Amino acid sequence: MNNQKHFLMILMSFLLCLPSIESQAQEANSNYSIPFMDDAKIFAQFTHELPAVMNYFTAHTEQEIIAFYESNFGKATSTKLKRERLTLYFTHHDKQLRVIISQQDKKNQVDILLR
């Protein structure tokens, strides 16, 4: 009888831990969703874990790209122009999002970092 009680206690402890294990597994398998322009030609996308990264080309103008990300994440908390690259910084759901826009030939390259 003593072994049976011991086994039941171990079994109950294991069952109580299952939601936590399942939650960790779902988190580990999650993809972080990063919005992108409708004509995006994505050339790199690593969104399985943080930091998540996406890079693409678009024919949209710099102003259209800014408006797109501000419509998704609100007004940028700050901006910086360095070496002809505009960087927008956003805070969204306790995460930091950086959007870098640079001219490449006749298109814009958009580099996004979510962490």
PDB file of N, CA and C in Angstrom:
ATOM      1  N   MET A   1       0.828  -1.196   0.000  1.00  0.00           N
ATOM      2  CA  MET A   1       0.000   0.000   0.000  1.00  0.00           C
ATOM      3  C   MET A   1       0.874   1.262   0.000  1.00  0.00           C
ATOM      4  N   ASN A   2       1.978   1.202   0.708  1.00  0.00           N
ATOM      5  CA  ASN A   2       2.884   2.340   0.795  1.00  0.00           C
ATOM      6  C   ASN A   2       3.457   2.683  -0.581  1.00  0.00           C
ATOM      7  N   ASN A   3       3.807   1.675  -1.357  1.00  0.00           N
ATOM      8  CA  ASN A   3       4.330   1.896  -2.705  1.00  0.00           C
ATOM      9  C   ASN A   3       3.279   2.513  -3.613  1.00  0.00           C
ATOM     10  N   GLN A   4       2.030   2.110  -3.413  1.00  0.00           N
ATOM     11  CA  GLN A   4       0.940   2.646  -4.222  1.00  0.00           C
ATOM     12  C   GLN A   4       0.748   4.144  -3.951  1.00  0.00           C
ATOM     13  N   LYS A   5       0.806   4.542  -2.685  1.00  0.00           N
ATOM     14  CA  LYS A   5       0.678   5.969  -2.336  1.00  0.00           C
ATOM     15  C   LYS A   5       1.835   6.765  -2.916  1.00  0.00           C
ATOM     16  N   HIS A   6       3.017   6.192  -2.807  1.00  0.00           N
ATOM     17  CA  HIS A   6       4.210   6.861  -3.338  1.00  0.00           C
ATOM     18  C   HIS A   6       4.079   7.046  -4.853  1.00  0.00           C
ATOM     19  N   PHE A   7       3.628   6.008  -5.550  1.00  0.00           N
ATOM     20  CA  PHE A   7       3.435   6.074  -7.002  1.00  0.00           C
ATOM     21  C   PHE A   7       2.393   7.133  -7.363  1.00  0.00           C
ATOM     22  N   LEU A   8       1.271   7.179  -6.611  1.00  0.00           N
ATOM     23  CA  LEU A   8       0.223   8.165  -6.871  1.00  0.00           C
ATOM     24  C   LEU A   8       0.727   9.584  -6.655  1.00  0.00           C
ATOM     25  N   MET A   9       1.546   9.785  -5.655  1.00  0.00           N
ATOM     26  CA  MET A   9       2.096  11.126  -5.389  1.00  0.00           C
ATOM     27  C   MET A   9       3.013  11.558  -6.539  1.00  0.00           C
ATOM     28  N   ILE A  10       3.829  10.632  -7.026  1.00  0.00           N
ATOM     29  CA  ILE A  10       4.724  10.947  -8.138  1.00  0.00           C
ATOM     30  C   ILE A  10       3.905  11.255  -9.396  1.00  0.00           C
ATOM     31  N   LEU A  11       2.887  10.432  -9.644  1.00  0.00           N
ATOM     32  CA  LEU A  11       2.025  10.637 -10.801  1.00  0.00           C
ATOM     33  C   LEU A  11       1.323  11.989 -10.741  1.00  0.00           C
ATOM     34  N   MET A  12       0.801  12.346  -9.576  1.00  0.00           N
ATOM     35  CA  MET A  12       0.115  13.639  -9.431  1.00  0.00           C
ATOM     36  C   MET A  12       1.090  14.795  -9.632  1.00  0.00           C
ATOM     37  N   SER A  13       2.292  14.674  -9.103  1.00  0.00           N
ATOM     38  CA  SER A  13       3.299  15.729  -9.281  1.00  0.00           C
ATOM     39  C   SER A  13       3.613  15.918 -10.760  1.00  0.00           C
ATOM     40  N   PHE A  14       3.740  14.816 -11.477  1.00  0.00           N
ATOM     41  CA  PHE A  14       4.014  14.873 -12.911  1.00  0.00           C
ATOM     42  C   PHE A  14       2.870  15.554 -13.655  1.00  0.00           C
ATOM     43  N   LEU A  15       1.638  15.170 -13.316  1.00  0.00           N
ATOM     44  CA  LEU A  15       0.473  15.749 -13.985  1.00  0.00           C
ATOM     45  C   LEU A  15       0.348  17.239 -13.716  1.00  0.00           C
ATOM     46  N   LEU A  16       0.723  17.666 -12.529  1.00  0.00           N
ATOM     47  CA  LEU A  16       0.669  19.093 -12.212  1.00  0.00           C
ATOM     48  C   LEU A  16       1.699  19.888 -13.009  1.00  0.00           C
ATOM     49  N   CYS A  17       2.777  19.246 -13.393  1.00  0.00           N
ATOM     50  CA  CYS A  17       3.829  19.921 -14.161  1.00  0.00           C
ATOM     51  C   CYS A  17       3.524  19.981 -15.655  1.00  0.00           C
ATOM     52  N   LEU A  18       2.612  19.171 -16.140  1.00  0.00           N
ATOM     53  CA  LEU A  18       2.329  19.116 -17.577  1.00  0.00           C
ATOM     54  C   LEU A  18       1.970  20.453 -18.200  1.00  0.00           C
ATOM     55  N   PRO A  19       1.071  21.253 -17.609  1.00  0.00           N
ATOM     56  CA  PRO A  19       0.768  22.543 -18.259  1.00  0.00           C
ATOM     57  C   PRO A  19       2.006  23.405 -18.432  1.00  0.00           C
ATOM     58  N   SER A  20       2.904  23.384 -17.479  1.00  0.00           N
ATOM     59  CA  SER A  20       4.121  24.167 -17.570  1.00  0.00           C
ATOM     60  C   SER A  20       5.013  23.657 -18.702  1.00  0.00           C
ATOM     61  N   ILE A  21       5.138  22.346 -18.815  1.00  0.00           N
ATOM     62  CA  ILE A  21       5.947  21.757 -19.885  1.00  0.00           C
ATOM     63  C   ILE A  21       5.329  22.079 -21.241  1.00  0.00           C
ATOM     64  N   GLU A  22       4.011  21.965 -21.350  1.00  0.00           N
ATOM     65  CA  GLU A  22       3.318  22.258 -22.605  1.00  0.00           C
ATOM     66  C   GLU A  22       3.496  23.720 -22.986  1.00  0.00           C
ATOM     67  N   SER A  23       3.395  24.614 -22.011  1.00  0.00           N
ATOM     68  CA  SER A  23       3.560  26.040 -22.261  1.00  0.00           C
ATOM     69  C   SER A  23       4.960  26.337 -22.789  1.00  0.00           C
ATOM     70  N   GLN A  24       5.979  25.716 -22.186  1.00  0.00           N
ATOM     71  CA  GLN A  24       7.351  25.934 -22.635  1.00  0.00           C
ATOM     72  C   GLN A  24       7.548  25.396 -24.043  1.00  0.00           C
ATOM     73  N   ALA A  25       6.946  24.259 -24.352  1.00  0.00           N
ATOM     74  CA  ALA A  25       7.071  23.682 -25.687  1.00  0.00           C
ATOM     75  C   ALA A  25       6.411  24.582 -26.725  1.00  0.00           C
ATOM     76  N   GLN A  26       5.238  25.149 -26.412  1.00  0.00           N
ATOM     77  CA  GLN A  26       4.568  26.043 -27.352  1.00  0.00           C
ATOM     78  C   GLN A  26       5.405  27.290 -27.575  1.00  0.00           C
ATOM     79  N   GLU A  27       5.978  27.817 -26.510  1.00  0.00           N
ATOM     80  CA  GLU A  27       6.808  29.013 -26.628  1.00  0.00           C
ATOM     81  C   GLU A  27       8.032  28.733 -27.486  1.00  0.00           C
ATOM     82  N   ALA A  28       8.638  27.567 -27.302  1.00  0.00           N
ATOM     83  CA  ALA A  28       9.830  27.217 -28.059  1.00  0.00           C
ATOM     84  C   ALA A  28       9.520  27.049 -29.543  1.00  0.00           C
ATOM     85  N   ASN A  29       8.301  26.627 -29.890  1.00  0.00           N
ATOM     86  CA  ASN A  29       7.936  26.398 -31.281  1.00  0.00           C
ATOM     87  C   ASN A  29       7.261  27.600 -31.933  1.00  0.00           C
ATOM     88  N   SER A  30       7.128  28.705 -31.204  1.00  0.00           N
ATOM     89  CA  SER A  30       6.385  29.837 -31.746  1.00  0.00           C
ATOM     90  C   SER A  30       7.193  30.577 -32.802  1.00  0.00           C
ATOM     91  N   ASN A  31       6.483  31.156 -33.731  1.00  0.00           N
ATOM     92  CA  ASN A  31       7.058  32.052 -34.719  1.00  0.00           C
ATOM     93  C   ASN A  31       6.644  33.455 -34.334  1.00  0.00           C
ATOM     94  N   TYR A  32       7.563  34.383 -34.386  1.00  0.00           N
ATOM     95  CA  TYR A  32       7.234  35.773 -34.102  1.00  0.00           C
ATOM     96  C   TYR A  32       6.786  36.417 -35.399  1.00  0.00           C
ATOM     97  N   SER A  33       5.609  36.981 -35.374  1.00  0.00           N
ATOM     98  CA  SER A  33       5.019  37.564 -36.566  1.00  0.00           C
ATOM     99  C   SER A  33       5.511  38.993 -36.754  1.00  0.00           C
ATOM    100  N   ILE A  34       6.121  39.242 -37.886  1.00  0.00           N
ATOM    101  CA  ILE A  34       6.596  40.581 -38.229  1.00  0.00           C
ATOM    102  C   ILE A  34       5.878  40.989 -39.515  1.00  0.00           C
ATOM    103  N   PRO A  35       5.105  42.072 -39.476  1.00  0.00           N
ATOM    104  CA  PRO A  35       4.405  42.490 -40.700  1.00  0.00           C
ATOM    105  C   PRO A  35       5.383  43.025 -41.746  1.00  0.00           C
ATOM    106  N   PHE A  36       5.004  42.873 -43.010  1.00  0.00           N
ATOM    107  CA  PHE A  36       5.851  43.366 -44.094  1.00  0.00           C
ATOM    108  C   PHE A  36       4.972  43.915 -45.212  1.00  0.00           C
ATOM    109  N   MET A  37       5.565  44.722 -46.071  1.00  0.00           N
ATOM    110  CA  MET A  37       4.847  45.379 -47.161  1.00  0.00           C
ATOM    111  C   MET A  37       4.300  44.333 -48.130  1.00  0.00           C
ATOM    112  N   ASP A  38       3.196  44.692 -48.822  1.00  0.00           N
ATOM    113  CA  ASP A  38       2.511  43.735 -49.685  1.00  0.00           C
ATOM    114  C   ASP A  38       3.348  43.241 -50.864  1.00  0.00           C
ATOM    115  N   ASP A  39       4.306  44.021 -51.315  1.00  0.00           N
ATOM    116  CA  ASP A  39       5.135  43.606 -52.461  1.00  0.00           C
ATOM    117  C   ASP A  39       6.512  43.110 -52.023  1.00  0.00           C
ATOM    118  N   ALA A  40       6.666  42.787 -50.753  1.00  0.00           N
ATOM    119  CA  ALA A  40       7.974  42.424 -50.200  1.00  0.00           C
ATOM    120  C   ALA A  40       8.600  41.235 -50.919  1.00  0.00           C
ATOM    121  N   LYS A  41       9.863  41.394 -51.254  1.00  0.00           N
ATOM    122  CA  LYS A  41      10.680  40.293 -51.768  1.00  0.00           C
ATOM    123  C   LYS A  41      11.624  39.927 -50.622  1.00  0.00           C
ATOM    124  N   ILE A  42      11.167  38.972 -49.804  1.00  0.00           N
ATOM    125  CA  ILE A  42      11.908  38.600 -48.590  1.00  0.00           C
ATOM    126  C   ILE A  42      13.140  37.798 -48.983  1.00  0.00           C
ATOM    127  N   PHE A  43      14.299  38.211 -48.471  1.00  0.00           N
ATOM    128  CA  PHE A  43      15.510  37.458 -48.750  1.00  0.00           C
ATOM    129  C   PHE A  43      16.123  36.855 -47.493  1.00  0.00           C
ATOM    130  N   ALA A  44      15.592  37.185 -46.326  1.00  0.00           N
ATOM    131  CA  ALA A  44      16.025  36.532 -45.081  1.00  0.00           C
ATOM    132  C   ALA A  44      14.899  36.643 -44.064  1.00  0.00           C
ATOM    133  N   GLN A  45      14.633  35.542 -43.391  1.00  0.00           N
ATOM    134  CA  GLN A  45      13.576  35.541 -42.377  1.00  0.00           C
ATOM    135  C   GLN A  45      13.928  34.503 -41.313  1.00  0.00           C
ATOM    136  N   PHE A  46      14.224  34.985 -40.119  1.00  0.00           N
ATOM    137  CA  PHE A  46      14.541  34.130 -38.985  1.00  0.00           C
ATOM    138  C   PHE A  46      13.642  34.566 -37.838  1.00  0.00           C
ATOM    139  N   THR A  47      12.472  33.959 -37.736  1.00  0.00           N
ATOM    140  CA  THR A  47      11.470  34.418 -36.778  1.00  0.00           C
ATOM    141  C   THR A  47      11.063  33.335 -35.780  1.00  0.00           C
ATOM    142  N   HIS A  48      11.878  32.290 -35.667  1.00  0.00           N
ATOM    143  CA  HIS A  48      11.541  31.190 -34.756  1.00  0.00           C
ATOM    144  C   HIS A  48      11.869  31.516 -33.302  1.00  0.00           C
ATOM    145  N   GLU A  49      12.808  32.422 -33.092  1.00  0.00           N
ATOM    146  CA  GLU A  49      13.202  32.781 -31.736  1.00  0.00           C
ATOM    147  C   GLU A  49      13.675  34.225 -31.722  1.00  0.00           C
ATOM    148  N   LEU A  50      13.789  34.761 -30.536  1.00  0.00           N
ATOM    149  CA  LEU A  50      14.280  36.130 -30.402  1.00  0.00           C
ATOM    150  C   LEU A  50      15.793  36.115 -30.269  1.00  0.00           C
ATOM    151  N   PRO A  51      16.491  37.026 -30.836  1.00  0.00           N
ATOM    152  CA  PRO A  51      15.971  38.106 -31.678  1.00  0.00           C
ATOM    153  C   PRO A  51      15.495  37.563 -33.026  1.00  0.00           C
ATOM    154  N   ALA A  52      14.350  38.058 -33.474  1.00  0.00           N
ATOM    155  CA  ALA A  52      13.782  37.685 -34.770  1.00  0.00           C
ATOM    156  C   ALA A  52      14.244  38.712 -35.799  1.00  0.00           C
ATOM    157  N   VAL A  53      14.533  38.236 -37.009  1.00  0.00           N
ATOM    158  CA  VAL A  53      15.075  39.097 -38.057  1.00  0.00           C
ATOM    159  C   VAL A  53      14.336  38.844 -39.365  1.00  0.00           C
ATOM    160  N   MET A  54      14.066  39.918 -40.095  1.00  0.00           N
ATOM    161  CA  MET A  54      13.497  39.807 -41.438  1.00  0.00           C
ATOM    162  C   MET A  54      14.124  40.902 -42.307  1.00  0.00           C
ATOM    163  N   ASN A  55      14.447  40.528 -43.539  1.00  0.00           N
ATOM    164  CA  ASN A  55      15.008  41.477 -44.498  1.00  0.00           C
ATOM    165  C   ASN A  55      14.283  41.314 -45.820  1.00  0.00           C
ATOM    166  N   TYR A  56      13.915  42.446 -46.439  1.00  0.00           N
ATOM    167  CA  TYR A  56      13.236  42.367 -47.732  1.00  0.00           C
ATOM    168  C   TYR A  56      13.424  43.650 -48.534  1.00  0.00           C
ATOM    169  N   PHE A  57      13.103  43.540 -49.832  1.00  0.00           N
ATOM    170  CA  PHE A  57      13.097  44.685 -50.730  1.00  0.00           C
ATOM    171  C   PHE A  57      11.653  45.041 -51.039  1.00  0.00           C
ATOM    172  N   THR A  58      11.399  46.333 -51.258  1.00  0.00           N
ATOM    173  CA  THR A  58      10.071  46.807 -51.622  1.00  0.00           C
ATOM    174  C   THR A  58      10.195  48.011 -52.558  1.00  0.00           C
ATOM    175  N   ALA A  59       9.190  48.173 -53.397  1.00  0.00           N
ATOM    176  CA  ALA A  59       9.143  49.345 -54.285  1.00  0.00           C
ATOM    177  C   ALA A  59       8.471  50.531 -53.593  1.00  0.00           C
ATOM    178  N   HIS A  60       7.903  50.318 -52.417  1.00  0.00           N
ATOM    179  CA  HIS A  60       7.246  51.411 -51.687  1.00  0.00           C
ATOM    180  C   HIS A  60       8.268  52.469 -51.278  1.00  0.00           C
ATOM    181  N   THR A  61       7.787  53.697 -51.151  1.00  0.00           N
ATOM    182  CA  THR A  61       8.658  54.803 -50.754  1.00  0.00           C
ATOM    183  C   THR A  61       8.971  54.725 -49.255  1.00  0.00           C
ATOM    184  N   GLU A  62       9.971  55.471 -48.876  1.00  0.00           N
ATOM    185  CA  GLU A  62      10.341  55.537 -47.456  1.00  0.00           C
ATOM    186  C   GLU A  62       9.155  55.994 -46.607  1.00  0.00           C
ATOM    187  N   GLN A  63       8.428  57.015 -47.082  1.00  0.00           N
ATOM    188  CA  GLN A  63       7.279  57.527 -46.332  1.00  0.00           C
ATOM    189  C   GLN A  63       6.172  56.478 -46.203  1.00  0.00           C
ATOM    190  N   GLU A  64       5.952  55.688 -47.255  1.00  0.00           N
ATOM    191  CA  GLU A  64       4.939  54.622 -47.190  1.00  0.00           C
ATOM    192  C   GLU A  64       5.351  53.532 -46.199  1.00  0.00           C
ATOM    193  N   ILE A  65       6.632  53.222 -46.175  1.00  0.00           N
ATOM    194  CA  ILE A  65       7.134  52.208 -45.229  1.00  0.00           C
ATOM    195  C   ILE A  65       6.968  52.706 -43.795  1.00  0.00           C
ATOM    196  N   ILE A  66       7.324  53.960 -43.564  1.00  0.00           N
ATOM    197  CA  ILE A  66       7.164  54.553 -42.225  1.00  0.00           C
ATOM    198  C   ILE A  66       5.696  54.504 -41.815  1.00  0.00           C
ATOM    199  N   ALA A  67       4.816  54.929 -42.697  1.00  0.00           N
ATOM    200  CA  ALA A  67       3.375  54.936 -42.387  1.00  0.00           C
ATOM    201  C   ALA A  67       2.870  53.521 -42.090  1.00  0.00           C
ATOM    202  N   PHE A  68       3.358  52.537 -42.839  1.00  0.00           N
ATOM    203  CA  PHE A  68       2.954  51.148 -42.634  1.00  0.00           C
ATOM    204  C   PHE A  68       3.330  50.674 -41.229  1.00  0.00           C
ATOM    205  N   TYR A  69       4.572  50.888 -40.819  1.00  0.00           N
ATOM    206  CA  TYR A  69       5.006  50.409 -39.507  1.00  0.00           C
ATOM    207  C   TYR A  69       4.398  51.224 -38.367  1.00  0.00           C
ATOM    208  N   GLU A  70       4.167  52.519 -38.596  1.00  0.00           N
ATOM    209  CA  GLU A  70       3.499  53.304 -37.558  1.00  0.00           C
ATOM    210  C   GLU A  70       2.028  52.908 -37.430  1.00  0.00           C
ATOM    211  N   SER A  71       1.406  52.452 -38.508  1.00  0.00           N
ATOM    212  CA  SER A  71       0.020  51.982 -38.403  1.00  0.00           C
ATOM    213  C   SER A  71      -0.051  50.649 -37.664  1.00  0.00           C
ATOM    214  N   ASN A  72       1.028  49.873 -37.699  1.00  0.00           N
ATOM    215  CA  ASN A  72       1.074  48.590 -37.008  1.00  0.00           C
ATOM    216  C   ASN A  72       1.550  48.702 -35.559  1.00  0.00           C
ATOM    217  N   PHE A  73       2.471  49.638 -35.281  1.00  0.00           N
ATOM    218  CA  PHE A  73       3.101  49.698 -33.962  1.00  0.00           C
ATOM    219  C   PHE A  73       2.989  51.041 -33.255  1.00  0.00           C
ATOM    220  N   GLY A  74       2.274  51.991 -33.842  1.00  0.00           N
ATOM    221  CA  GLY A  74       2.181  53.319 -33.239  1.00  0.00           C
ATOM    222  C   GLY A  74       3.372  54.164 -33.650  1.00  0.00           C
ATOM    223  N   LYS A  75       3.395  55.379 -33.157  1.00  0.00           N
ATOM    224  CA  LYS A  75       4.477  56.303 -33.512  1.00  0.00           C
ATOM    225  C   LYS A  75       5.814  55.766 -33.016  1.00  0.00           C
ATOM    226  N   ALA A  76       6.838  55.899 -33.836  1.00  0.00           N
ATOM    227  CA  ALA A  76       8.185  55.463 -33.460  1.00  0.00           C
ATOM    228  C   ALA A  76       8.633  56.217 -32.218  1.00  0.00           C
ATOM    229  N   THR A  77       9.258  55.494 -31.296  1.00  0.00           N
ATOM    230  CA  THR A  77       9.748  56.142 -30.073  1.00  0.00           C
ATOM    231  C   THR A  77      10.948  57.032 -30.367  1.00  0.00           C
ATOM    232  N   SER A  78      11.716  56.674 -31.419  1.00  0.00           N
ATOM    233  CA  SER A  78      12.806  57.535 -31.869  1.00  0.00           C
ATOM    234  C   SER A  78      13.214  57.123 -33.281  1.00  0.00           C
ATOM    235  N   THR A  79      13.958  58.016 -33.932  1.00  0.00           N
ATOM    236  CA  THR A  79      14.467  57.752 -35.278  1.00  0.00           C
ATOM    237  C   THR A  79      15.916  58.218 -35.336  1.00  0.00           C
ATOM    238  N   LYS A  80      16.661  57.619 -36.256  1.00  0.00           N
ATOM    239  CA  LYS A  80      18.057  58.010 -36.417  1.00  0.00           C
ATOM    240  C   LYS A  80      18.435  57.840 -37.884  1.00  0.00           C
ATOM    241  N   LEU A  81      19.103  58.837 -38.447  1.00  0.00           N
ATOM    242  CA  LEU A  81      19.592  58.760 -39.813  1.00  0.00           C
ATOM    243  C   LEU A  81      21.114  58.681 -39.763  1.00  0.00           C
ATOM    244  N   LYS A  82      21.655  57.582 -40.303  1.00  0.00           N
ATOM    245  CA  LYS A  82      23.104  57.387 -40.286  1.00  0.00           C
ATOM    246  C   LYS A  82      23.498  56.662 -41.567  1.00  0.00           C
ATOM    247  N   ARG A  83      24.464  57.213 -42.279  1.00  0.00           N
ATOM    248  CA  ARG A  83      24.952  56.636 -43.534  1.00  0.00           C
ATOM    249  C   ARG A  83      23.817  56.334 -44.506  1.00  0.00           C
ATOM    250  N   GLU A  84      22.936  57.295 -44.667  1.00  0.00           N
ATOM    251  CA  GLU A  84      21.796  57.204 -45.574  1.00  0.00           C
ATOM    252  C   GLU A  84      20.844  56.056 -45.240  1.00  0.00           C
ATOM    253  N   ARG A  85      20.845  55.619 -43.994  1.00  0.00           N
ATOM    254  CA  ARG A  85      19.903  54.597 -43.514  1.00  0.00           C
ATOM    255  C   ARG A  85      19.059  55.213 -42.407  1.00  0.00           C
ATOM    256  N   LEU A  86      17.763  55.096 -42.569  1.00  0.00           N
ATOM    257  CA  LEU A  86      16.847  55.601 -41.552  1.00  0.00           C
ATOM    258  C   LEU A  86      16.464  54.447 -40.634  1.00  0.00           C
ATOM    259  N   THR A  87      16.655  54.636 -39.339  1.00  0.00           N
ATOM    260  CA  THR A  87      16.289  53.611 -38.359  1.00  0.00           C
ATOM    261  C   THR A  87      15.141  54.124 -37.512  1.00  0.00           C
ATOM    262  N   LEU A  88      14.068  53.329 -37.440  1.00  0.00           N
ATOM    263  CA  LEU A  88      12.910  53.636 -36.602  1.00  0.00           C
ATOM    264  C   LEU A  88      12.909  52.658 -35.431  1.00  0.00           C
ATOM    265  N   TYR A  89      12.649  53.188 -34.244  1.00  0.00           N
ATOM    266  CA  TYR A  89      12.600  52.350 -33.044  1.00  0.00           C
ATOM    267  C   TYR A  89      11.172  52.345 -32.502  1.00  0.00           C
ATOM    268  N   PHE A  90      10.669  51.148 -32.211  1.00  0.00           N
ATOM    269  CA  PHE A  90       9.322  50.976 -31.668  1.00  0.00           C
ATOM    270  C   PHE A  90       9.387  50.093 -30.427  1.00  0.00           C
ATOM    271  N   THR A  91       8.431  50.284 -29.528  1.00  0.00           N
ATOM    272  CA  THR A  91       8.211  49.375 -28.416  1.00  0.00           C
ATOM    273  C   THR A  91       6.817  48.811 -28.593  1.00  0.00           C
ATOM    274  N   HIS A  92       6.714  47.462 -28.571  1.00  0.00           N
ATOM    275  CA  HIS A  92       5.423  46.819 -28.810  1.00  0.00           C
ATOM    276  C   HIS A  92       5.345  45.545 -27.969  1.00  0.00           C
ATOM    277  N   HIS A  93       4.351  45.473 -27.088  1.00  0.00           N
ATOM    278  CA  HIS A  93       4.164  44.303 -26.225  1.00  0.00           C
ATOM    279  C   HIS A  93       5.460  43.919 -25.502  1.00  0.00           C
ATOM    280  N   ASP A  94       6.082  44.862 -24.851  1.00  0.00           N
ATOM    281  CA  ASP A  94       7.313  44.643 -24.086  1.00  0.00           C
ATOM    282  C   ASP A  94       8.484  44.161 -24.939  1.00  0.00           C
ATOM    283  N   LYS A  95       8.423  44.367 -26.236  1.00  0.00           N
ATOM    284  CA  LYS A  95       9.514  43.988 -27.121  1.00  0.00           C
ATOM    285  C   LYS A  95       9.989  45.234 -27.868  1.00  0.00           C
ATOM    286  N   GLN A  96      11.247  45.209 -28.239  1.00  0.00           N
ATOM    287  CA  GLN A  96      11.839  46.301 -28.996  1.00  0.00           C
ATOM    288  C   GLN A  96      11.860  45.910 -30.468  1.00  0.00           C
ATOM    289  N   LEU A  97      11.426  46.811 -31.329  1.00  0.00           N
ATOM    290  CA  LEU A  97      11.420  46.576 -32.768  1.00  0.00           C
ATOM    291  C   LEU A  97      12.225  47.680 -33.425  1.00  0.00           C
ATOM    292  N   ARG A  98      13.151  47.285 -34.285  1.00  0.00           N
ATOM    293  CA  ARG A  98      13.964  48.243 -35.024  1.00  0.00           C
ATOM    294  C   ARG A  98      13.724  48.003 -36.504  1.00  0.00           C
ATOM    295  N   VAL A  99      13.361  49.066 -37.233  1.00  0.00           N
ATOM    296  CA  VAL A  99      13.128  48.988 -38.671  1.00  0.00           C
ATOM    297  C   VAL A  99      14.144  49.915 -39.343  1.00  0.00           C
ATOM    298  N   ILE A 100      14.968  49.335 -40.215  1.00  0.00           N
ATOM    299  CA  ILE A 100      16.001  50.110 -40.914  1.00  0.00           C
ATOM    300  C   ILE A 100      15.638  50.151 -42.392  1.00  0.00           C
ATOM    301  N   ILE A 101      15.582  51.362 -42.938  1.00  0.00           N
ATOM    302  CA  ILE A 101      15.206  51.557 -44.340  1.00  0.00           C
ATOM    303  C   ILE A 101      16.397  52.165 -45.067  1.00  0.00           C
ATOM    304  N   SER A 102      16.798  51.517 -46.166  1.00  0.00           N
ATOM    305  CA  SER A 102      17.906  52.048 -46.961  1.00  0.00           C
ATOM    306  C   SER A 102      17.604  51.880 -48.441  1.00  0.00           C
ATOM    307  N   GLN A 103      18.079  52.840 -49.232  1.00  0.00           N
ATOM    308  CA  GLN A 103      17.871  52.826 -50.679  1.00  0.00           C
ATOM    309  C   GLN A 103      18.843  51.835 -51.311  1.00  0.00           C
ATOM    310  N   GLN A 104      18.329  50.951 -52.169  1.00  0.00           N
ATOM    311  CA  GLN A 104      19.144  49.982 -52.909  1.00  0.00           C
ATOM    312  C   GLN A 104      18.696  50.022 -54.356  1.00  0.00           C
ATOM    313  N   ASP A 105      19.509  50.594 -55.210  1.00  0.00           N
ATOM    314  CA  ASP A 105      19.135  50.814 -56.612  1.00  0.00           C
ATOM    315  C   ASP A 105      17.836  51.611 -56.651  1.00  0.00           C
ATOM    316  N   LYS A 106      16.765  51.077 -57.228  1.00  0.00           N
ATOM    317  CA  LYS A 106      15.509  51.819 -57.304  1.00  0.00           C
ATOM    318  C   LYS A 106      14.476  51.287 -56.326  1.00  0.00           C
ATOM    319  N   LYS A 107      14.920  50.506 -55.366  1.00  0.00           N
ATOM    320  CA  LYS A 107      14.012  49.951 -54.352  1.00  0.00           C
ATOM    321  C   LYS A 107      14.524  50.321 -52.972  1.00  0.00           C
ATOM    322  N   ASN A 108      13.703  50.030 -51.980  1.00  0.00           N
ATOM    323  CA  ASN A 108      14.119  50.209 -50.591  1.00  0.00           C
ATOM    324  C   ASN A 108      14.336  48.842 -49.959  1.00  0.00           C
ATOM    325  N   GLN A 109      15.402  48.747 -49.198  1.00  0.00           N
ATOM    326  CA  GLN A 109      15.643  47.547 -48.404  1.00  0.00           C
ATOM    327  C   GLN A 109      15.143  47.829 -47.004  1.00  0.00           C
ATOM    328  N   VAL A 110      14.406  46.870 -46.430  1.00  0.00           N
ATOM    329  CA  VAL A 110      13.883  47.007 -45.082  1.00  0.00           C
ATOM    330  C   VAL A 110      14.473  45.872 -44.246  1.00  0.00           C
ATOM    331  N   ASP A 111      15.158  46.247 -43.180  1.00  0.00           N
ATOM    332  CA  ASP A 111      15.753  45.273 -42.254  1.00  0.00           C
ATOM    333  C   ASP A 111      15.048  45.449 -40.914  1.00  0.00           C
ATOM    334  N   ILE A 112      14.548  44.349 -40.361  1.00  0.00           N
ATOM    335  CA  ILE A 112      13.786  44.424 -39.129  1.00  0.00           C
ATOM    336  C   ILE A 112      14.407  43.515 -38.087  1.00  0.00           C
ATOM    337  N   LEU A 113      14.525  44.041 -36.880  1.00  0.00           N
ATOM    338  CA  LEU A 113      15.033  43.276 -35.746  1.00  0.00           C
ATOM    339  C   LEU A 113      14.013  43.393 -34.610  1.00  0.00           C
ATOM    340  N   LEU A 114      13.537  42.270 -34.136  1.00  0.00           N
ATOM    341  CA  LEU A 114      12.595  42.218 -33.008  1.00  0.00           C
ATOM    342  C   LEU A 114      13.275  41.490 -31.871  1.00  0.00           C
ATOM    343  N   ARG A 115      13.325  42.156 -30.704  1.00  0.00           N
ATOM    344  CA  ARG A 115      13.899  41.494 -29.530  1.00  0.00           C
ATOM    345  C   ARG A 115      13.216  41.924 -28.272  1.00  0.00           C
TER     346      ARG A 115
END
